[in-house]
Amino acid sequence: MFTSQFQRILALGPLAAIALSGCVLTGAAVHPGSATVAVATPHLSNAAQILISENDLKDRPYVSLGDISAWARSVNLLSSNPTRADIDEALRVQAAKLGADAVIVVRYRYTRTGLASRGKLTGEGRAVVFKG
């Protein structure tokens, strides 16, 4: 009985490594104290339609809903490196929950979290809703 359980564990080990090899973990946070929320009734946005910009949008008036952040990291050494697209997707999800139309002044930062890790990518930006 012990041998058969041990054989199953050995057989599943490589499958688990293959399954996790392409995984990137993501997370996000909203920082509501960072700005005054001036929209009385936020609308739920479609996350795929939310604009992501590294610049301020000086040509469109907007109201700031607050600063948001997101992170992505590799699960293990076999995982792919996190990308800006991973961060943008997580920022869009958070912005949609706030009813935002865009995330502006987005900044990306890559940090290594340890010798056995490939690193962590962080993104921060300001969720806004356009006036009019």
C-alpha atoms as a PDB file:
ATOM      1  CA  MET A   1       0.000   0.000   0.000  1.00  0.00           C
ATOM      2  CA  PHE A   2       2.794   2.428   0.869  1.00  0.00           C
ATOM      3  CA  THR A   3       4.533   1.688  -2.425  1.00  0.00           C
ATOM      4  CA  SER A   4       1.428   2.373  -4.485  1.00  0.00           C
ATOM      5  CA  GLN A   5       0.818   5.763  -2.751  1.00  0.00           C
ATOM      6  CA  PHE A   6       4.470   6.680  -3.207  1.00  0.00           C
ATOM      7  CA  GLN A   7       4.274   5.784  -6.904  1.00  0.00           C
ATOM      8  CA  ARG A   8       1.178   7.988  -7.333  1.00  0.00           C
ATOM      9  CA  ILE A   9       2.947  10.923  -5.692  1.00  0.00           C
ATOM     10  CA  LEU A  10       5.966  10.458  -7.955  1.00  0.00           C
ATOM     11  CA  ALA A  11       3.700  10.238 -10.997  1.00  0.00           C
ATOM     12  CA  LEU A  12       1.752  13.387 -10.091  1.00  0.00           C
ATOM     13  CA  GLY A  13       4.832  15.492  -9.268  1.00  0.00           C
ATOM     14  CA  PRO A  14       5.856  16.164 -12.881  1.00  0.00           C
ATOM     15  CA  LEU A  15       2.217  16.796 -13.854  1.00  0.00           C
ATOM     16  CA  ALA A  16       1.915  19.428 -11.133  1.00  0.00           C
ATOM     17  CA  ALA A  17       5.150  21.074 -12.276  1.00  0.00           C
ATOM     18  CA  ILE A  18       3.889  21.166 -15.867  1.00  0.00           C
ATOM     19  CA  ALA A  19       0.513  22.544 -14.788  1.00  0.00           C
ATOM     20  CA  LEU A  20       2.135  25.338 -12.774  1.00  0.00           C
ATOM     21  CA  SER A  21       4.882  26.106 -15.269  1.00  0.00           C
ATOM     22  CA  GLY A  22       2.968  28.845 -17.089  1.00  0.00           C
ATOM     23  CA  CYS A  23       1.181  30.342 -14.112  1.00  0.00           C
ATOM     24  CA  VAL A  24       1.446  33.937 -13.000  1.00  0.00           C
ATOM     25  CA  LEU A  25      -0.238  34.980  -9.769  1.00  0.00           C
ATOM     26  CA  THR A  26      -1.907  38.397  -9.680  1.00  0.00           C
ATOM     27  CA  GLY A  27      -3.435  40.608  -7.036  1.00  0.00           C
ATOM     28  CA  ALA A  28      -4.747  44.142  -6.737  1.00  0.00           C
ATOM     29  CA  ALA A  29      -5.690  46.803  -4.219  1.00  0.00           C
ATOM     30  CA  VAL A  30      -7.714  49.991  -4.095  1.00  0.00           C
ATOM     31  CA  HIS A  31      -6.432  52.915  -2.065  1.00  0.00           C
ATOM     32  CA  PRO A  32      -9.640  54.898  -1.426  1.00  0.00           C
ATOM     33  CA  GLY A  33      -8.008  57.434   0.910  1.00  0.00           C
ATOM     34  CA  SER A  34      -5.736  58.651  -1.870  1.00  0.00           C
ATOM     35  CA  ALA A  35      -8.296  60.908  -3.510  1.00  0.00           C
ATOM     36  CA  THR A  36     -11.735  62.361  -2.973  1.00  0.00           C
ATOM     37  CA  VAL A  37     -14.465  60.366  -4.643  1.00  0.00           C
ATOM     38  CA  ALA A  38     -16.737  62.873  -6.333  1.00  0.00           C
ATOM     39  CA  VAL A  39     -19.034  60.569  -8.279  1.00  0.00           C
ATOM     40  CA  ALA A  40     -22.337  60.036  -6.474  1.00  0.00           C
ATOM     41  CA  THR A  41     -23.422  56.908  -8.355  1.00  0.00           C
ATOM     42  CA  PRO A  42     -20.548  55.011  -9.922  1.00  0.00           C
ATOM     43  CA  HIS A  43     -21.434  52.903 -12.935  1.00  0.00           C
ATOM     44  CA  LEU A  44     -19.996  49.456 -13.454  1.00  0.00           C
ATOM     45  CA  SER A  45     -17.541  49.558 -16.322  1.00  0.00           C
ATOM     46  CA  ASN A  46     -16.687  46.802 -18.742  1.00  0.00           C
ATOM     47  CA  ALA A  47     -13.104  45.972 -17.756  1.00  0.00           C
ATOM     48  CA  ALA A  48     -12.027  45.268 -21.343  1.00  0.00           C
ATOM     49  CA  GLN A  49     -12.996  48.807 -22.395  1.00  0.00           C
ATOM     50  CA  ILE A  50     -11.059  50.635 -19.665  1.00  0.00           C
ATOM     51  CA  LEU A  51      -8.222  52.741 -21.031  1.00  0.00           C
ATOM     52  CA  ILE A  52      -4.758  52.244 -19.503  1.00  0.00           C
ATOM     53  CA  SER A  53      -2.334  55.155 -19.929  1.00  0.00           C
ATOM     54  CA  GLU A  54       1.106  55.915 -18.536  1.00  0.00           C
ATOM     55  CA  ASN A  55       0.356  59.598 -19.085  1.00  0.00           C
ATOM     56  CA  ASP A  56      -2.083  62.096 -17.642  1.00  0.00           C
ATOM     57  CA  LEU A  57      -5.006  62.825 -19.978  1.00  0.00           C
ATOM     58  CA  LYS A  58      -4.944  66.598 -20.270  1.00  0.00           C
ATOM     59  CA  ASP A  59      -7.330  66.687 -23.239  1.00  0.00           C
ATOM     60  CA  ARG A  60     -10.284  65.027 -21.413  1.00  0.00           C
ATOM     61  CA  PRO A  61     -11.783  66.334 -18.178  1.00  0.00           C
ATOM     62  CA  TYR A  62     -12.124  63.654 -15.530  1.00  0.00           C
ATOM     63  CA  VAL A  63     -12.818  63.041 -11.852  1.00  0.00           C
ATOM     64  CA  SER A  64     -10.338  60.961  -9.867  1.00  0.00           C
ATOM     65  CA  LEU A  65     -11.793  57.955  -8.058  1.00  0.00           C
ATOM     66  CA  GLY A  66      -8.593  57.024  -6.242  1.00  0.00           C
ATOM     67  CA  ASP A  67      -5.280  55.286  -6.666  1.00  0.00           C
ATOM     68  CA  ILE A  68      -5.184  51.569  -7.386  1.00  0.00           C
ATOM     69  CA  SER A  69      -2.370  49.060  -7.613  1.00  0.00           C
ATOM     70  CA  ALA A  70      -1.841  45.546  -8.902  1.00  0.00           C
ATOM     71  CA  TRP A  71       0.940  42.980  -8.796  1.00  0.00           C
ATOM     72  CA  ALA A  72       1.889  39.840 -10.649  1.00  0.00           C
ATOM     73  CA  ARG A  73       4.598  37.321  -9.879  1.00  0.00           C
ATOM     74  CA  SER A  74       5.823  34.029 -11.211  1.00  0.00           C
ATOM     75  CA  VAL A  75       4.693  30.966  -9.297  1.00  0.00           C
ATOM     76  CA  ASN A  76       8.066  29.243  -9.629  1.00  0.00           C
ATOM     77  CA  LEU A  77      11.237  29.205 -11.719  1.00  0.00           C
ATOM     78  CA  LEU A  78       9.427  27.389 -14.534  1.00  0.00           C
ATOM     79  CA  SER A  79       6.692  30.025 -14.762  1.00  0.00           C
ATOM     80  CA  SER A  80       6.717  32.759 -17.346  1.00  0.00           C
ATOM     81  CA  ASN A  81       7.730  36.230 -16.230  1.00  0.00           C
ATOM     82  CA  PRO A  82       4.833  38.544 -15.391  1.00  0.00           C
ATOM     83  CA  THR A  83       4.120  41.111 -18.089  1.00  0.00           C
ATOM     84  CA  ARG A  84       2.609  44.580 -18.261  1.00  0.00           C
ATOM     85  CA  ALA A  85      -0.427  42.939 -19.860  1.00  0.00           C
ATOM     86  CA  ASP A  86      -0.929  40.928 -16.634  1.00  0.00           C
ATOM     87  CA  ILE A  87      -0.793  44.150 -14.619  1.00  0.00           C
ATOM     88  CA  ASP A  88      -3.059  46.025 -17.030  1.00  0.00           C
ATOM     89  CA  GLU A  89      -5.682  43.281 -16.779  1.00  0.00           C
ATOM     90  CA  ALA A  90      -5.629  43.379 -12.953  1.00  0.00           C
ATOM     91  CA  LEU A  91      -5.801  47.208 -12.969  1.00  0.00           C
ATOM     92  CA  ARG A  92      -8.781  47.088 -15.348  1.00  0.00           C
ATOM     93  CA  VAL A  93     -10.644  44.702 -13.039  1.00  0.00           C
ATOM     94  CA  GLN A  94     -10.093  46.988 -10.035  1.00  0.00           C
ATOM     95  CA  ALA A  95     -11.018  50.086 -12.039  1.00  0.00           C
ATOM     96  CA  ALA A  96     -14.226  48.420 -13.274  1.00  0.00           C
ATOM     97  CA  LYS A  97     -15.262  47.745  -9.674  1.00  0.00           C
ATOM     98  CA  LEU A  98     -14.962  51.486  -9.020  1.00  0.00           C
ATOM     99  CA  GLY A  99     -16.868  52.387 -12.183  1.00  0.00           C
ATOM    100  CA  ALA A 100     -13.830  53.981 -13.822  1.00  0.00           C
ATOM    101  CA  ASP A 101     -13.391  54.779 -17.493  1.00  0.00           C
ATOM    102  CA  ALA A 102      -9.586  54.790 -17.394  1.00  0.00           C
ATOM    103  CA  VAL A 103      -6.490  54.235 -15.297  1.00  0.00           C
ATOM    104  CA  ILE A 104      -3.975  57.017 -15.866  1.00  0.00           C
ATOM    105  CA  VAL A 105      -0.426  57.856 -14.777  1.00  0.00           C
ATOM    106  CA  VAL A 106       0.316  54.124 -14.585  1.00  0.00           C
ATOM    107  CA  ARG A 107       3.786  53.227 -13.323  1.00  0.00           C
ATOM    108  CA  TYR A 108       5.342  49.764 -13.519  1.00  0.00           C
ATOM    109  CA  ARG A 109       8.052  48.457 -11.189  1.00  0.00           C
ATOM    110  CA  TYR A 110       9.873  45.123 -11.350  1.00  0.00           C
ATOM    111  CA  THR A 111      11.443  43.690  -8.193  1.00  0.00           C
ATOM    112  CA  ARG A 112      13.143  40.415  -7.390  1.00  0.00           C
ATOM    113  CA  THR A 113      11.674  38.697  -4.354  1.00  0.00           C
ATOM    114  CA  GLY A 114      14.406  36.132  -3.697  1.00  0.00           C
ATOM    115  CA  LEU A 115      17.114  33.985  -5.204  1.00  0.00           C
ATOM    116  CA  ALA A 116      14.716  31.230  -6.244  1.00  0.00           C
ATOM    117  CA  SER A 117      12.104  33.612  -7.634  1.00  0.00           C
ATOM    118  CA  ARG A 118      11.852  35.241 -11.046  1.00  0.00           C
ATOM    119  CA  GLY A 119      10.462  38.464  -9.591  1.00  0.00           C
ATOM    120  CA  LYS A 120       7.386  40.531  -9.081  1.00  0.00           C
ATOM    121  CA  LEU A 121       5.901  43.209 -11.322  1.00  0.00           C
ATOM    122  CA  THR A 122       3.863  45.950  -9.685  1.00  0.00           C
ATOM    123  CA  GLY A 123       1.699  48.581 -11.335  1.00  0.00           C
ATOM    124  CA  GLU A 124       0.090  51.653  -9.803  1.00  0.00           C
ATOM    125  CA  GLY A 125      -2.233  54.218 -11.323  1.00  0.00           C
ATOM    126  CA  ARG A 126      -5.192  56.534 -10.768  1.00  0.00           C
ATOM    127  CA  ALA A 127      -8.707  55.340 -11.606  1.00  0.00           C
ATOM    128  CA  VAL A 128     -10.753  58.111 -13.243  1.00  0.00           C
ATOM    129  CA  VAL A 129     -14.189  58.643 -14.703  1.00  0.00           C
ATOM    130  CA  PHE A 130     -14.604  61.053 -17.605  1.00  0.00           C
ATOM    131  CA  LYS A 131     -16.879  64.077 -17.208  1.00  0.00           C
ATOM    132  CA  GLY A 132     -19.767  64.526 -19.589  1.00  0.00           C
END
